[in-house]
Amino acid sequence: METVVWSKPEGQRSGTPLLVMMHGYGTDEARMVRLFDYLPQEFTCAALRAPMPIGDHWGWFLLDYFLANDFADVISAANSVRAWISSVRDQHSSVTLMGYSQGMAMATTLLRLHPEDYTAVVGLSGFVLKNELLSVMDSFEVKPPFFWGRDKADLVINEDAIAYTAEWLEQNTLLTTRTYPGMGHAMSKTEMVDVSAFLRHYVLG
């Protein structure tokens, strides 16, 4: 990861729980940096910039309205994120993932590939990739805590993707789901209150 924005200076990160934050398609890490002040201050937050240029912004892999993707690109991006996490993991007490929109697809892909690596996952206005190869791995010994927040009227994530995401999360995770009427394809302060409560309960204990 060439660009990472941290919520704490290097000297204050040791021993803290790490929250790895991944933005959506066609945006950048600044979208996640804005959330730092609304999340539990016990965490060290790291907002990553995706590696693929999308116009003047960034994405994790190419995507269309139907969420079609090149799986090789997905795995390449996931491996890059995991390698970066591995490089800092020893400094932290735990690692939790947060993904917005396409970033939620990244977070859930990382979880599916290495479920033992992450304490919990937060998905915001996003989706889970429907992929046969990933589905073969979907058998977790312990269901990981997962927060899924969205607006039911969000028009960006299509209905089929929402249906698959709901089914996958119900089957494979210890799911907390919340909806936020009027939020659209976005994140809100009200949602961050719920996310913070989830993180305090499942990560800070």
Protein backbone atom coordinates (compact mmCIF):
# COMPACT_ATOMS: atom_id res chain seq x y z
CA MET A 1 0.00 0.00 0.00
CA GLU A 2 1.71 3.16 -1.19
CA THR A 3 -0.64 5.57 0.57
CA VAL A 4 -1.90 5.01 4.12
CA VAL A 5 -3.32 7.69 6.42
CA TRP A 6 -3.10 6.91 10.13
CA SER A 7 -5.27 8.23 12.96
CA LYS A 8 -2.37 8.18 15.43
CA PRO A 9 1.33 9.09 15.14
CA GLU A 10 3.71 6.14 15.05
CA GLY A 11 4.73 6.50 18.68
CA GLN A 12 1.14 6.02 19.90
CA ARG A 13 0.17 2.90 17.89
CA SER A 14 1.95 0.10 19.74
CA GLY A 15 -0.40 -2.34 21.47
CA THR A 16 -3.59 -0.74 20.12
CA PRO A 17 -6.27 -2.57 18.13
CA LEU A 18 -5.90 -1.82 14.41
CA LEU A 19 -8.87 -0.86 12.23
CA VAL A 20 -8.02 -1.23 8.52
CA MET A 21 -10.32 0.97 6.44
CA MET A 22 -10.96 0.50 2.71
CA HIS A 23 -12.80 3.07 0.58
CA GLY A 24 -15.18 2.56 -2.32
CA TYR A 25 -14.81 2.54 -6.10
CA GLY A 26 -13.83 5.82 -7.72
CA THR A 27 -12.92 7.63 -4.51
CA ASP A 28 -9.91 7.60 -2.16
CA GLU A 29 -8.74 7.22 1.42
CA ALA A 30 -10.00 10.70 2.40
CA ARG A 31 -13.53 9.24 2.44
CA MET A 32 -12.51 7.01 5.34
CA VAL A 33 -10.25 9.54 7.09
CA ARG A 34 -13.35 11.65 7.77
CA LEU A 35 -14.62 8.88 10.02
CA PHE A 36 -11.63 8.86 12.40
CA ASP A 37 -13.17 11.31 14.87
CA TYR A 38 -16.40 9.29 15.11
CA LEU A 39 -14.80 5.94 15.99
CA PRO A 40 -13.51 4.71 19.38
CA GLN A 41 -10.25 6.48 20.16
CA GLU A 42 -8.74 3.27 21.55
CA PHE A 43 -8.30 2.10 17.94
CA THR A 44 -5.52 2.99 15.58
CA CYS A 45 -7.26 3.56 12.25
CA ALA A 46 -5.43 3.10 8.96
CA ALA A 47 -7.17 4.35 5.79
CA LEU A 48 -5.69 2.66 2.72
CA ARG A 49 -5.68 3.96 -0.84
CA ALA A 50 -6.66 1.34 -3.42
CA PRO A 51 -4.00 0.50 -6.02
CA MET A 52 -5.93 0.86 -9.30
CA PRO A 53 -6.40 4.34 -10.88
CA ILE A 54 -10.05 5.05 -11.74
CA GLY A 55 -9.99 8.42 -13.53
CA ASP A 56 -8.68 10.91 -10.96
CA HIS A 57 -9.49 8.51 -8.11
CA TRP A 58 -8.91 4.88 -7.14
CA GLY A 59 -10.48 1.44 -6.93
CA TRP A 60 -9.58 -2.04 -5.74
CA PHE A 61 -10.54 -3.74 -9.02
CA LEU A 62 -12.54 -2.86 -12.16
CA LEU A 63 -16.28 -3.00 -11.67
CA ASP A 64 -19.51 -2.39 -13.59
CA TYR A 65 -23.11 -1.85 -12.47
CA PHE A 66 -23.69 -5.61 -12.29
CA LEU A 67 -20.56 -5.90 -10.09
CA ALA A 68 -18.81 -8.08 -12.68
CA ASN A 69 -15.09 -8.30 -12.01
CA ASP A 70 -11.83 -9.97 -12.98
CA PHE A 71 -11.20 -12.38 -10.13
CA ALA A 72 -7.44 -12.24 -10.69
CA ASP A 73 -7.59 -8.49 -9.98
CA VAL A 74 -9.62 -9.13 -6.82
CA ILE A 75 -7.11 -11.66 -5.50
CA SER A 76 -4.17 -9.43 -6.40
CA ALA A 77 -5.66 -6.52 -4.47
CA ALA A 78 -6.55 -8.74 -1.51
CA ASN A 79 -3.03 -10.16 -1.38
CA SER A 80 -1.57 -6.65 -1.42
CA VAL A 81 -3.73 -5.59 1.52
CA ARG A 82 -2.91 -8.75 3.46
CA ALA A 83 0.81 -8.29 2.85
CA TRP A 84 0.58 -4.74 4.19
CA ILE A 85 -1.41 -5.89 7.24
CA SER A 86 1.22 -8.57 7.89
CA SER A 87 3.91 -5.90 7.90
CA VAL A 88 2.27 -4.02 10.81
CA ARG A 89 0.29 -6.75 12.60
CA ASP A 90 2.89 -7.37 15.33
CA GLN A 91 2.49 -3.78 16.56
CA HIS A 92 -1.20 -4.26 17.35
CA SER A 93 -3.37 -6.26 19.73
CA SER A 94 -5.86 -7.24 17.00
CA VAL A 95 -6.90 -6.44 13.43
CA THR A 96 -10.43 -5.48 12.39
CA LEU A 97 -11.54 -4.67 8.84
CA MET A 98 -13.88 -1.90 7.68
CA GLY A 99 -14.97 -1.49 4.07
CA TYR A 100 -17.29 0.98 2.37
CA SER A 101 -19.02 0.00 -0.91
CA GLN A 102 -16.38 -1.86 -2.98
CA GLY A 103 -14.22 -1.76 0.14
CA MET A 104 -16.78 -4.08 1.79
CA ALA A 105 -16.20 -6.56 -1.04
CA MET A 106 -12.49 -6.34 -0.27
CA ALA A 107 -13.02 -6.77 3.48
CA THR A 108 -15.22 -9.84 3.03
CA THR A 109 -12.80 -11.34 0.50
CA LEU A 110 -9.94 -10.96 2.98
CA LEU A 111 -12.13 -12.57 5.63
CA ARG A 112 -13.00 -15.50 3.36
CA LEU A 113 -9.36 -16.13 2.47
CA HIS A 114 -7.98 -15.90 6.03
CA PRO A 115 -10.81 -15.81 8.59
CA GLU A 116 -8.47 -16.45 11.51
CA ASP A 117 -6.65 -13.16 10.89
CA TYR A 118 -9.45 -10.77 11.84
CA THR A 119 -11.32 -10.09 15.07
CA ALA A 120 -14.37 -8.50 13.41
CA VAL A 121 -15.51 -6.87 10.15
CA VAL A 122 -17.60 -3.77 9.40
CA GLY A 123 -19.31 -3.44 6.00
CA LEU A 124 -20.93 -0.16 4.97
CA SER A 125 -23.23 0.28 1.95
CA GLY A 126 -21.46 -2.55 0.19
CA PHE A 127 -21.64 -6.14 -0.97
CA VAL A 128 -20.09 -9.61 -0.86
CA LEU A 129 -18.61 -10.98 -4.07
CA LYS A 130 -20.50 -13.90 -5.61
CA ASN A 131 -17.71 -16.22 -6.68
CA GLU A 132 -17.58 -20.01 -6.88
CA LEU A 133 -13.92 -20.26 -5.92
CA LEU A 134 -14.42 -18.15 -2.80
CA SER A 135 -17.57 -20.06 -1.92
CA VAL A 136 -15.56 -23.27 -1.60
CA MET A 137 -13.78 -21.68 1.38
CA ASP A 138 -16.92 -20.47 3.13
CA SER A 139 -16.81 -22.73 6.16
CA PHE A 140 -15.68 -20.82 9.24
CA GLU A 141 -15.00 -22.76 12.43
CA VAL A 142 -16.26 -19.77 14.41
CA LYS A 143 -18.60 -17.21 12.89
CA PRO A 144 -16.85 -13.81 12.92
CA PRO A 145 -18.72 -10.75 14.25
CA PHE A 146 -19.92 -8.64 11.33
CA PHE A 147 -21.66 -5.25 11.21
CA TRP A 148 -23.61 -4.45 8.02
CA GLY A 149 -25.03 -0.96 7.64
CA ARG A 150 -26.93 0.40 4.64
CA ASP A 151 -29.93 2.30 3.33
CA LYS A 152 -32.55 -0.02 1.84
CA ALA A 153 -33.15 2.64 -0.83
CA ASP A 154 -29.47 2.67 -1.91
CA LEU A 155 -29.64 2.40 -5.73
CA VAL A 156 -25.91 1.82 -6.31
CA ILE A 157 -25.78 -1.80 -5.12
CA ASN A 158 -28.19 -3.83 -7.26
CA GLU A 159 -30.94 -6.03 -5.76
CA ASP A 160 -29.33 -9.34 -6.70
CA ALA A 161 -26.10 -8.33 -4.98
CA ILE A 162 -27.98 -7.26 -1.85
CA ALA A 163 -29.89 -10.55 -1.75
CA TYR A 164 -26.69 -12.59 -2.08
CA THR A 165 -24.91 -10.45 0.51
CA ALA A 166 -27.74 -10.85 3.01
CA GLU A 167 -27.81 -14.63 2.51
CA TRP A 168 -24.03 -14.99 2.77
CA LEU A 169 -23.77 -12.86 5.91
CA GLU A 170 -26.62 -14.71 7.63
CA GLN A 171 -25.02 -18.08 6.90
CA ASN A 172 -21.40 -17.26 7.65
CA THR A 173 -21.18 -14.49 10.25
CA LEU A 174 -22.42 -13.40 13.64
CA LEU A 175 -24.40 -10.62 12.02
CA THR A 176 -25.46 -7.22 13.32
CA THR A 177 -27.45 -5.41 10.64
CA ARG A 178 -28.77 -1.85 10.70
CA THR A 179 -30.54 0.27 8.09
CA TYR A 180 -30.53 4.06 7.80
CA PRO A 181 -33.42 5.55 5.79
CA GLY A 182 -32.39 8.57 3.73
CA MET A 183 -28.66 7.92 3.95
CA GLY A 184 -28.31 6.75 0.35
CA HIS A 185 -25.02 5.29 -0.86
CA ALA A 186 -23.04 6.90 1.91
CA MET A 187 -22.08 6.73 5.59
CA SER A 188 -23.57 8.77 8.42
CA LYS A 189 -22.79 9.97 11.93
CA THR A 190 -25.73 7.96 13.25
CA GLU A 191 -24.29 4.85 11.63
CA MET A 192 -20.90 5.54 13.22
CA VAL A 193 -22.54 5.54 16.66
CA ASP A 194 -23.74 1.99 15.98
CA VAL A 195 -20.41 0.95 14.47
CA SER A 196 -18.60 2.28 17.54
CA ALA A 197 -20.87 0.30 19.86
CA PHE A 198 -20.22 -2.83 17.78
CA LEU A 199 -16.44 -2.31 17.90
CA ARG A 200 -16.46 -1.68 21.64
CA HIS A 201 -18.45 -4.83 22.29
CA TYR A 202 -16.69 -7.29 19.98
CA VAL A 203 -13.15 -5.92 19.89
CA LEU A 204 -12.57 -3.92 23.07
CA GLY A 205 -14.75 -6.27 25.11
